[in-house]
Amino acid sequence: MEKDQYYMNLALQEAKKGRFQTWKNPLVGAVIFKELKIKEINLLTNNPDKIDQLNDYGIKINKRIPLELASNDVDRFYLQTKKKRFHHLLELKEVE
């Protein structure tokens, strides 16, 4: 666990410098889960990379809970880009 704590501290230091946001870094969460001896979770995400990274780190994802609202004229292109370029798991329903 010593190596995990090292990487977690390094990640937190980088976040304090504004180099990346910890909430977007699944490794930080995985290290915390390991410390708390949490082996399985239900994950709120549309990002398959987060699922893969947590699985690779030994955290089992029991269930993925999607986070999605209907798209509108303002955010449609942004959400389409996330789905197409980043393979986010989105249905992209339109606002009626």
PDB file of N, CA and C in Angstrom:
ATOM      1  N   MET A   1       0.811  -1.194   0.000  1.00  0.00           N
ATOM      2  CA  MET A   1       0.000   0.000   0.000  1.00  0.00           C
ATOM      3  C   MET A   1       0.858   1.262   0.000  1.00  0.00           C
ATOM      4  N   GLU A   2       2.106   1.140   0.366  1.00  0.00           N
ATOM      5  CA  GLU A   2       2.993   2.301   0.416  1.00  0.00           C
ATOM      6  C   GLU A   2       3.065   3.000  -0.940  1.00  0.00           C
ATOM      7  N   LYS A   3       3.172   2.221  -2.010  1.00  0.00           N
ATOM      8  CA  LYS A   3       3.240   2.794  -3.349  1.00  0.00           C
ATOM      9  C   LYS A   3       1.933   3.520  -3.682  1.00  0.00           C
ATOM     10  N   ASP A   4       0.804   2.943  -3.297  1.00  0.00           N
ATOM     11  CA  ASP A   4      -0.482   3.574  -3.558  1.00  0.00           C
ATOM     12  C   ASP A   4      -0.578   4.924  -2.855  1.00  0.00           C
ATOM     13  N   GLN A   5      -0.147   4.989  -1.629  1.00  0.00           N
ATOM     14  CA  GLN A   5      -0.197   6.247  -0.884  1.00  0.00           C
ATOM     15  C   GLN A   5       0.709   7.286  -1.535  1.00  0.00           C
ATOM     16  N   TYR A   6       1.831   6.846  -2.035  1.00  0.00           N
ATOM     17  CA  TYR A   6       2.747   7.754  -2.722  1.00  0.00           C
ATOM     18  C   TYR A   6       2.051   8.377  -3.928  1.00  0.00           C
ATOM     19  N   TYR A   7       1.436   7.535  -4.755  1.00  0.00           N
ATOM     20  CA  TYR A   7       0.777   8.037  -5.953  1.00  0.00           C
ATOM     21  C   TYR A   7      -0.431   8.908  -5.620  1.00  0.00           C
ATOM     22  N   MET A   8      -1.160   8.553  -4.579  1.00  0.00           N
ATOM     23  CA  MET A   8      -2.293   9.370  -4.180  1.00  0.00           C
ATOM     24  C   MET A   8      -1.814  10.753  -3.734  1.00  0.00           C
ATOM     25  N   ASN A   9      -0.766  10.782  -2.923  1.00  0.00           N
ATOM     26  CA  ASN A   9      -0.231  12.070  -2.476  1.00  0.00           C
ATOM     27  C   ASN A   9       0.299  12.893  -3.645  1.00  0.00           C
ATOM     28  N   LEU A  10       0.957  12.233  -4.575  1.00  0.00           N
ATOM     29  CA  LEU A  10       1.451  12.925  -5.767  1.00  0.00           C
ATOM     30  C   LEU A  10       0.283  13.501  -6.563  1.00  0.00           C
ATOM     31  N   ALA A  11      -0.764  12.719  -6.728  1.00  0.00           N
ATOM     32  CA  ALA A  11      -1.940  13.186  -7.467  1.00  0.00           C
ATOM     33  C   ALA A  11      -2.580  14.384  -6.776  1.00  0.00           C
ATOM     34  N   LEU A  12      -2.684  14.329  -5.473  1.00  0.00           N
ATOM     35  CA  LEU A  12      -3.283  15.436  -4.728  1.00  0.00           C
ATOM     36  C   LEU A  12      -2.417  16.693  -4.803  1.00  0.00           C
ATOM     37  N   GLN A  13      -1.097  16.523  -4.777  1.00  0.00           N
ATOM     38  CA  GLN A  13      -0.195  17.671  -4.914  1.00  0.00           C
ATOM     39  C   GLN A  13      -0.361  18.325  -6.285  1.00  0.00           C
ATOM     40  N   GLU A  14      -0.465  17.495  -7.317  1.00  0.00           N
ATOM     41  CA  GLU A  14      -0.645  18.027  -8.668  1.00  0.00           C
ATOM     42  C   GLU A  14      -1.973  18.771  -8.778  1.00  0.00           C
ATOM     43  N   ALA A  15      -2.997  18.225  -8.132  1.00  0.00           N
ATOM     44  CA  ALA A  15      -4.308  18.877  -8.168  1.00  0.00           C
ATOM     45  C   ALA A  15      -4.253  20.240  -7.496  1.00  0.00           C
ATOM     46  N   LYS A  16      -3.516  20.331  -6.396  1.00  0.00           N
ATOM     47  CA  LYS A  16      -3.394  21.615  -5.696  1.00  0.00           C
ATOM     48  C   LYS A  16      -2.708  22.656  -6.574  1.00  0.00           C
ATOM     49  N   LYS A  17      -1.836  22.196  -7.447  1.00  0.00           N
ATOM     50  CA  LYS A  17      -1.145  23.104  -8.363  1.00  0.00           C
ATOM     51  C   LYS A  17      -2.015  23.433  -9.583  1.00  0.00           C
ATOM     52  N   GLY A  18      -3.194  22.823  -9.652  1.00  0.00           N
ATOM     53  CA  GLY A  18      -4.104  23.081 -10.769  1.00  0.00           C
ATOM     54  C   GLY A  18      -3.775  22.295 -12.014  1.00  0.00           C
ATOM     55  N   ARG A  19      -2.961  21.261 -11.890  1.00  0.00           N
ATOM     56  CA  ARG A  19      -2.554  20.510 -13.082  1.00  0.00           C
ATOM     57  C   ARG A  19      -3.629  19.541 -13.556  1.00  0.00           C
ATOM     58  N   PHE A  20      -4.438  19.057 -12.655  1.00  0.00           N
ATOM     59  CA  PHE A  20      -5.610  18.267 -13.036  1.00  0.00           C
ATOM     60  C   PHE A  20      -6.574  18.236 -11.866  1.00  0.00           C
ATOM     61  N   GLN A  21      -7.793  17.855 -12.160  1.00  0.00           N
ATOM     62  CA  GLN A  21      -8.816  17.833 -11.125  1.00  0.00           C
ATOM     63  C   GLN A  21      -8.950  16.415 -10.580  1.00  0.00           C
ATOM     64  N   THR A  22      -8.918  16.273  -9.262  1.00  0.00           N
ATOM     65  CA  THR A  22      -8.960  14.937  -8.669  1.00  0.00           C
ATOM     66  C   THR A  22     -10.264  14.225  -8.954  1.00  0.00           C
ATOM     67  N   TRP A  23     -11.364  14.940  -9.053  1.00  0.00           N
ATOM     68  CA  TRP A  23     -12.634  14.259  -9.284  1.00  0.00           C
ATOM     69  C   TRP A  23     -12.706  13.657 -10.676  1.00  0.00           C
ATOM     70  N   LYS A  24     -11.835  14.080 -11.571  1.00  0.00           N
ATOM     71  CA  LYS A  24     -11.785  13.489 -12.907  1.00  0.00           C
ATOM     72  C   LYS A  24     -10.737  12.387 -13.000  1.00  0.00           C
ATOM     73  N   ASN A  25     -10.036  12.131 -11.928  1.00  0.00           N
ATOM     74  CA  ASN A  25      -8.977  11.134 -11.934  1.00  0.00           C
ATOM     75  C   ASN A  25      -9.422   9.915 -11.126  1.00  0.00           C
ATOM     76  N   PRO A  26      -9.844   8.829 -11.800  1.00  0.00           N
ATOM     77  CA  PRO A  26     -10.336   7.659 -11.082  1.00  0.00           C
ATOM     78  C   PRO A  26      -9.290   7.011 -10.181  1.00  0.00           C
ATOM     79  N   LEU A  27      -8.007   7.226 -10.463  1.00  0.00           N
ATOM     80  CA  LEU A  27      -6.961   6.628  -9.633  1.00  0.00           C
ATOM     81  C   LEU A  27      -7.054   7.122  -8.197  1.00  0.00           C
ATOM     82  N   VAL A  28      -7.353   8.397  -8.011  1.00  0.00           N
ATOM     83  CA  VAL A  28      -7.469   8.939  -6.659  1.00  0.00           C
ATOM     84  C   VAL A  28      -8.584   8.220  -5.913  1.00  0.00           C
ATOM     85  N   GLY A  29      -9.731   8.058  -6.561  1.00  0.00           N
ATOM     86  CA  GLY A  29     -10.832   7.328  -5.936  1.00  0.00           C
ATOM     87  C   GLY A  29     -10.476   5.883  -5.663  1.00  0.00           C
ATOM     88  N   ALA A  30      -9.786   5.242  -6.598  1.00  0.00           N
ATOM     89  CA  ALA A  30      -9.414   3.839  -6.424  1.00  0.00           C
ATOM     90  C   ALA A  30      -8.500   3.649  -5.223  1.00  0.00           C
ATOM     91  N   VAL A  31      -7.563   4.548  -5.038  1.00  0.00           N
ATOM     92  CA  VAL A  31      -6.652   4.455  -3.892  1.00  0.00           C
ATOM     93  C   VAL A  31      -7.436   4.616  -2.593  1.00  0.00           C
ATOM     94  N   ILE A  32      -8.370   5.541  -2.575  1.00  0.00           N
ATOM     95  CA  ILE A  32      -9.196   5.726  -1.379  1.00  0.00           C
ATOM     96  C   ILE A  32     -10.035   4.481  -1.117  1.00  0.00           C
ATOM     97  N   PHE A  33     -10.635   3.921  -2.168  1.00  0.00           N
ATOM     98  CA  PHE A  33     -11.415   2.688  -1.998  1.00  0.00           C
ATOM     99  C   PHE A  33     -10.547   1.573  -1.429  1.00  0.00           C
ATOM    100  N   LYS A  34      -9.336   1.445  -1.954  1.00  0.00           N
ATOM    101  CA  LYS A  34      -8.418   0.404  -1.454  1.00  0.00           C
ATOM    102  C   LYS A  34      -8.113   0.621   0.024  1.00  0.00           C
ATOM    103  N   GLU A  35      -7.841   1.858   0.398  1.00  0.00           N
ATOM    104  CA  GLU A  35      -7.535   2.170   1.800  1.00  0.00           C
ATOM    105  C   GLU A  35      -8.707   1.810   2.710  1.00  0.00           C
ATOM    106  N   LEU A  36      -9.921   2.022   2.217  1.00  0.00           N
ATOM    107  CA  LEU A  36     -11.121   1.725   3.001  1.00  0.00           C
ATOM    108  C   LEU A  36     -11.583   0.279   2.837  1.00  0.00           C
ATOM    109  N   LYS A  37     -10.814  -0.497   2.076  1.00  0.00           N
ATOM    110  CA  LYS A  37     -11.106  -1.903   1.809  1.00  0.00           C
ATOM    111  C   LYS A  37     -12.446  -2.098   1.088  1.00  0.00           C
ATOM    112  N   ILE A  38     -12.773  -1.147   0.219  1.00  0.00           N
ATOM    113  CA  ILE A  38     -13.965  -1.243  -0.623  1.00  0.00           C
ATOM    114  C   ILE A  38     -13.539  -1.902  -1.923  1.00  0.00           C
ATOM    115  N   LYS A  39     -14.146  -3.044  -2.236  1.00  0.00           N
ATOM    116  CA  LYS A  39     -13.738  -3.812  -3.414  1.00  0.00           C
ATOM    117  C   LYS A  39     -14.732  -3.711  -4.568  1.00  0.00           C
ATOM    118  N   GLU A  40     -15.961  -3.309  -4.270  1.00  0.00           N
ATOM    119  CA  GLU A  40     -17.006  -3.232  -5.286  1.00  0.00           C
ATOM    120  C   GLU A  40     -17.791  -1.942  -5.098  1.00  0.00           C
ATOM    121  N   ILE A  41     -18.207  -1.348  -6.230  1.00  0.00           N
ATOM    122  CA  ILE A  41     -18.994  -0.114  -6.155  1.00  0.00           C
ATOM    123  C   ILE A  41     -20.053  -0.085  -7.254  1.00  0.00           C
ATOM    124  N   ASN A  42     -21.045   0.759  -7.070  1.00  0.00           N
ATOM    125  CA  ASN A  42     -21.946   1.190  -8.133  1.00  0.00           C
ATOM    126  C   ASN A  42     -21.418   2.552  -8.563  1.00  0.00           C
ATOM    127  N   LEU A  43     -21.230   2.750  -9.856  1.00  0.00           N
ATOM    128  CA  LEU A  43     -20.552   3.952 -10.348  1.00  0.00           C
ATOM    129  C   LEU A  43     -21.480   4.815 -11.192  1.00  0.00           C
ATOM    130  N   LEU A  44     -21.588   6.087 -10.829  1.00  0.00           N
ATOM    131  CA  LEU A  44     -22.332   7.072 -11.616  1.00  0.00           C
ATOM    132  C   LEU A  44     -21.385   7.630 -12.672  1.00  0.00           C
ATOM    133  N   THR A  45     -21.547   7.197 -13.923  1.00  0.00           N
ATOM    134  CA  THR A  45     -20.670   7.691 -14.989  1.00  0.00           C
ATOM    135  C   THR A  45     -21.243   7.352 -16.353  1.00  0.00           C
ATOM    136  N   ASN A  46     -20.807   8.104 -17.344  1.00  0.00           N
ATOM    137  CA  ASN A  46     -21.051   7.779 -18.750  1.00  0.00           C
ATOM    138  C   ASN A  46     -19.734   7.444 -19.443  1.00  0.00           C
ATOM    139  N   ASN A  47     -18.647   7.499 -18.698  1.00  0.00           N
ATOM    140  CA  ASN A  47     -17.306   7.387 -19.259  1.00  0.00           C
ATOM    141  C   ASN A  47     -16.770   5.960 -19.106  1.00  0.00           C
ATOM    142  N   PRO A  48     -16.670   5.211 -20.220  1.00  0.00           N
ATOM    143  CA  PRO A  48     -16.175   3.838 -20.131  1.00  0.00           C
ATOM    144  C   PRO A  48     -14.716   3.749 -19.673  1.00  0.00           C
ATOM    145  N   ASP A  49     -13.927   4.807 -19.900  1.00  0.00           N
ATOM    146  CA  ASP A  49     -12.534   4.799 -19.438  1.00  0.00           C
ATOM    147  C   ASP A  49     -12.453   4.731 -17.918  1.00  0.00           C
ATOM    148  N   LYS A  50     -13.350   5.412 -17.229  1.00  0.00           N
ATOM    149  CA  LYS A  50     -13.357   5.356 -15.766  1.00  0.00           C
ATOM    150  C   LYS A  50     -13.653   3.939 -15.286  1.00  0.00           C
ATOM    151  N   ILE A  51     -14.589   3.286 -15.950  1.00  0.00           N
ATOM    152  CA  ILE A  51     -14.919   1.900 -15.594  1.00  0.00           C
ATOM    153  C   ILE A  51     -13.693   1.021 -15.777  1.00  0.00           C
ATOM    154  N   ASP A  52     -13.042   1.135 -16.932  1.00  0.00           N
ATOM    155  CA  ASP A  52     -11.859   0.318 -17.221  1.00  0.00           C
ATOM    156  C   ASP A  52     -10.724   0.591 -16.236  1.00  0.00           C
ATOM    157  N   GLN A  53     -10.477   1.864 -15.938  1.00  0.00           N
ATOM    158  CA  GLN A  53      -9.377   2.206 -15.035  1.00  0.00           C
ATOM    159  C   GLN A  53      -9.622   1.676 -13.628  1.00  0.00           C
ATOM    160  N   LEU A  54     -10.842   1.806 -13.151  1.00  0.00           N
ATOM    161  CA  LEU A  54     -11.153   1.284 -11.815  1.00  0.00           C
ATOM    162  C   LEU A  54     -11.063  -0.238 -11.794  1.00  0.00           C
ATOM    163  N   ASN A  55     -11.564  -0.897 -12.849  1.00  0.00           N
ATOM    164  CA  ASN A  55     -11.441  -2.356 -12.942  1.00  0.00           C
ATOM    165  C   ASN A  55      -9.978  -2.780 -12.960  1.00  0.00           C
ATOM    166  N   ASP A  56      -9.168  -2.074 -13.743  1.00  0.00           N
ATOM    167  CA  ASP A  56      -7.740  -2.396 -13.818  1.00  0.00           C
ATOM    168  C   ASP A  56      -7.054  -2.250 -12.463  1.00  0.00           C
ATOM    169  N   TYR A  57      -7.563  -1.363 -11.643  1.00  0.00           N
ATOM    170  CA  TYR A  57      -6.984  -1.136 -10.326  1.00  0.00           C
ATOM    171  C   TYR A  57      -7.548  -2.093  -9.277  1.00  0.00           C
ATOM    172  N   GLY A  58      -8.465  -2.964  -9.703  1.00  0.00           N
ATOM    173  CA  GLY A  58      -8.994  -3.976  -8.790  1.00  0.00           C
ATOM    174  C   GLY A  58     -10.307  -3.619  -8.123  1.00  0.00           C
ATOM    175  N   ILE A  59     -10.948  -2.557  -8.577  1.00  0.00           N
ATOM    176  CA  ILE A  59     -12.253  -2.179  -8.045  1.00  0.00           C
ATOM    177  C   ILE A  59     -13.314  -2.719  -9.005  1.00  0.00           C
ATOM    178  N   LYS A  60     -14.178  -3.588  -8.496  1.00  0.00           N
ATOM    179  CA  LYS A  60     -15.223  -4.182  -9.326  1.00  0.00           C
ATOM    180  C   LYS A  60     -16.407  -3.217  -9.415  1.00  0.00           C
ATOM    181  N   ILE A  61     -16.884  -3.004 -10.638  1.00  0.00           N
ATOM    182  CA  ILE A  61     -18.055  -2.160 -10.856  1.00  0.00           C
ATOM    183  C   ILE A  61     -19.266  -3.085 -10.938  1.00  0.00           C
ATOM    184  N   ASN A  62     -20.092  -3.073  -9.895  1.00  0.00           N
ATOM    185  CA  ASN A  62     -21.296  -3.904  -9.887  1.00  0.00           C
ATOM    186  C   ASN A  62     -22.328  -3.394 -10.878  1.00  0.00           C
ATOM    187  N   LYS A  63     -22.447  -2.073 -10.935  1.00  0.00           N
ATOM    188  CA  LYS A  63     -23.480  -1.465 -11.765  1.00  0.00           C
ATOM    189  C   LYS A  63     -23.024  -0.076 -12.186  1.00  0.00           C
ATOM    190  N   ARG A  64     -23.257   0.228 -13.457  1.00  0.00           N
ATOM    191  CA  ARG A  64     -23.032   1.592 -13.943  1.00  0.00           C
ATOM    192  C   ARG A  64     -24.376   2.300 -13.950  1.00  0.00           C
ATOM    193  N   ILE A  65     -24.419   3.439 -13.296  1.00  0.00           N
ATOM    194  CA  ILE A  65     -25.639   4.238 -13.254  1.00  0.00           C
ATOM    195  C   ILE A  65     -25.418   5.428 -14.184  1.00  0.00           C
ATOM    196  N   PRO A  66     -26.165   5.489 -15.300  1.00  0.00           N
ATOM    197  CA  PRO A  66     -25.943   6.574 -16.254  1.00  0.00           C
ATOM    198  C   PRO A  66     -26.355   7.929 -15.698  1.00  0.00           C
ATOM    199  N   LEU A  67     -25.655   8.950 -16.159  1.00  0.00           N
ATOM    200  CA  LEU A  67     -25.957  10.348 -15.823  1.00  0.00           C
ATOM    201  C   LEU A  67     -26.310  11.049 -17.123  1.00  0.00           C
ATOM    202  N   GLU A  68     -27.595  11.236 -17.356  1.00  0.00           N
ATOM    203  CA  GLU A  68     -27.950  11.839 -18.634  1.00  0.00           C
ATOM    204  C   GLU A  68     -29.274  12.582 -18.538  1.00  0.00           C
ATOM    205  N   LEU A  69     -29.286  13.743 -19.138  1.00  0.00           N
ATOM    206  CA  LEU A  69     -30.493  14.531 -19.330  1.00  0.00           C
ATOM    207  C   LEU A  69     -30.722  14.642 -20.830  1.00  0.00           C
ATOM    208  N   ALA A  70     -31.915  15.012 -21.213  1.00  0.00           N
ATOM    209  CA  ALA A  70     -32.181  15.219 -22.633  1.00  0.00           C
ATOM    210  C   ALA A  70     -31.323  16.379 -23.138  1.00  0.00           C
ATOM    211  N   SER A  71     -30.821  16.242 -24.358  1.00  0.00           N
ATOM    212  CA  SER A  71     -29.983  17.307 -24.925  1.00  0.00           C
ATOM    213  C   SER A  71     -30.859  18.427 -25.486  1.00  0.00           C
ATOM    214  N   ASN A  72     -30.256  19.590 -25.634  1.00  0.00           N
ATOM    215  CA  ASN A  72     -30.964  20.740 -26.202  1.00  0.00           C
ATOM    216  C   ASN A  72     -30.035  21.439 -27.193  1.00  0.00           C
ATOM    217  N   ASP A  73     -30.498  22.536 -27.748  1.00  0.00           N
ATOM    218  CA  ASP A  73     -29.699  23.252 -28.757  1.00  0.00           C
ATOM    219  C   ASP A  73     -28.360  23.736 -28.220  1.00  0.00           C
ATOM    220  N   VAL A  74     -28.290  24.027 -26.944  1.00  0.00           N
ATOM    221  CA  VAL A  74     -27.072  24.568 -26.341  1.00  0.00           C
ATOM    222  C   VAL A  74     -26.001  23.499 -26.163  1.00  0.00           C
ATOM    223  N   ASP A  75     -26.390  22.311 -25.709  1.00  0.00           N
ATOM    224  CA  ASP A  75     -25.379  21.296 -25.371  1.00  0.00           C
ATOM    225  C   ASP A  75     -25.321  20.095 -26.318  1.00  0.00           C
ATOM    226  N   ARG A  76     -26.156  20.081 -27.350  1.00  0.00           N
ATOM    227  CA  ARG A  76     -26.234  18.917 -28.242  1.00  0.00           C
ATOM    228  C   ARG A  76     -24.874  18.568 -28.864  1.00  0.00           C
ATOM    229  N   PHE A  77     -24.190  19.555 -29.449  1.00  0.00           N
ATOM    230  CA  PHE A  77     -22.911  19.288 -30.116  1.00  0.00           C
ATOM    231  C   PHE A  77     -21.868  18.775 -29.125  1.00  0.00           C
ATOM    232  N   TYR A  78     -21.832  19.386 -27.949  1.00  0.00           N
ATOM    233  CA  TYR A  78     -20.899  18.959 -26.899  1.00  0.00           C
ATOM    234  C   TYR A  78     -21.129  17.487 -26.536  1.00  0.00           C
ATOM    235  N   LEU A  79     -22.387  17.109 -26.330  1.00  0.00           N
ATOM    236  CA  LEU A  79     -22.696  15.723 -25.960  1.00  0.00           C
ATOM    237  C   LEU A  79     -22.435  14.763 -27.118  1.00  0.00           C
ATOM    238  N   GLN A  80     -22.738  15.178 -28.339  1.00  0.00           N
ATOM    239  CA  GLN A  80     -22.445  14.339 -29.507  1.00  0.00           C
ATOM    240  C   GLN A  80     -20.944  14.093 -29.628  1.00  0.00           C
ATOM    241  N   THR A  81     -20.161  15.123 -29.357  1.00  0.00           N
ATOM    242  CA  THR A  81     -18.702  14.990 -29.398  1.00  0.00           C
ATOM    243  C   THR A  81     -18.218  14.013 -28.337  1.00  0.00           C
ATOM    244  N   LYS A  82     -18.756  14.108 -27.122  1.00  0.00           N
ATOM    245  CA  LYS A  82     -18.360  13.180 -26.055  1.00  0.00           C
ATOM    246  C   LYS A  82     -18.674  11.739 -26.452  1.00  0.00           C
ATOM    247  N   LYS A  83     -19.825  11.536 -27.093  1.00  0.00           N
ATOM    248  CA  LYS A  83     -20.213  10.186 -27.507  1.00  0.00           C
ATOM    249  C   LYS A  83     -19.332   9.689 -28.658  1.00  0.00           C
ATOM    250  N   LYS A  84     -19.155  10.520 -29.674  1.00  0.00           N
ATOM    251  CA  LYS A  84     -18.422  10.107 -30.873  1.00  0.00           C
ATOM    252  C   LYS A  84     -16.918   9.990 -30.633  1.00  0.00           C
ATOM    253  N   ARG A  85     -16.313  11.006 -30.043  1.00  0.00           N
ATOM    254  CA  ARG A  85     -14.854  11.048 -29.917  1.00  0.00           C
ATOM    255  C   ARG A  85     -14.320  10.331 -28.682  1.00  0.00           C
ATOM    256  N   PHE A  86     -15.102  10.375 -27.594  1.00  0.00           N
ATOM    257  CA  PHE A  86     -14.635   9.810 -26.331  1.00  0.00           C
ATOM    258  C   PHE A  86     -15.402   8.549 -25.935  1.00  0.00           C
ATOM    259  N   HIS A  87     -16.334   8.127 -26.805  1.00  0.00           N
ATOM    260  CA  HIS A  87     -17.087   6.879 -26.613  1.00  0.00           C
ATOM    261  C   HIS A  87     -17.895   6.855 -25.321  1.00  0.00           C
ATOM    262  N   HIS A  88     -18.344   8.030 -24.873  1.00  0.00           N
ATOM    263  CA  HIS A  88     -19.185   8.065 -23.683  1.00  0.00           C
ATOM    264  C   HIS A  88     -20.499   7.341 -23.966  1.00  0.00           C
ATOM    265  N   LEU A  89     -21.027   6.710 -22.957  1.00  0.00           N
ATOM    266  CA  LEU A  89     -22.223   5.893 -23.080  1.00  0.00           C
ATOM    267  C   LEU A  89     -23.457   6.786 -22.916  1.00  0.00           C
ATOM    268  N   LEU A  90     -23.851   7.416 -24.016  1.00  0.00           N
ATOM    269  CA  LEU A  90     -24.961   8.365 -24.006  1.00  0.00           C
ATOM    270  C   LEU A  90     -26.022   7.946 -25.013  1.00  0.00           C
ATOM    271  N   GLU A  91     -27.293   8.155 -24.662  1.00  0.00           N
ATOM    272  CA  GLU A  91     -28.387   7.877 -25.595  1.00  0.00           C
ATOM    273  C   GLU A  91     -28.749   9.107 -26.418  1.00  0.00           C
ATOM    274  N   LEU A  92     -28.473  10.291 -25.883  1.00  0.00           N
ATOM    275  CA  LEU A  92     -28.730  11.568 -26.558  1.00  0.00           C
ATOM    276  C   LEU A  92     -30.194  11.749 -26.964  1.00  0.00           C
ATOM    277  N   LYS A  93     -31.051  11.690 -25.993  1.00  0.00           N
ATOM    278  CA  LYS A  93     -32.469  11.977 -26.226  1.00  0.00           C
ATOM    279  C   LYS A  93     -32.638  13.482 -26.382  1.00  0.00           C
ATOM    280  N   GLU A  94     -33.573  13.868 -27.216  1.00  0.00           N
ATOM    281  CA  GLU A  94     -33.839  15.284 -27.469  1.00  0.00           C
ATOM    282  C   GLU A  94     -34.882  15.814 -26.490  1.00  0.00           C
ATOM    283  N   VAL A  95     -34.781  17.092 -26.166  1.00  0.00           N
ATOM    284  CA  VAL A  95     -35.803  17.760 -25.366  1.00  0.00           C
ATOM    285  C   VAL A  95     -37.049  17.884 -26.227  1.00  0.00           C
ATOM    286  N   GLU A  96     -38.193  17.565 -25.644  1.00  0.00           N
ATOM    287  CA  GLU A  96     -39.446  17.663 -26.424  1.00  0.00           C
ATOM    288  C   GLU A  96     -40.105  18.995 -26.239  1.00  0.00           C
TER     289      GLU A  96
END
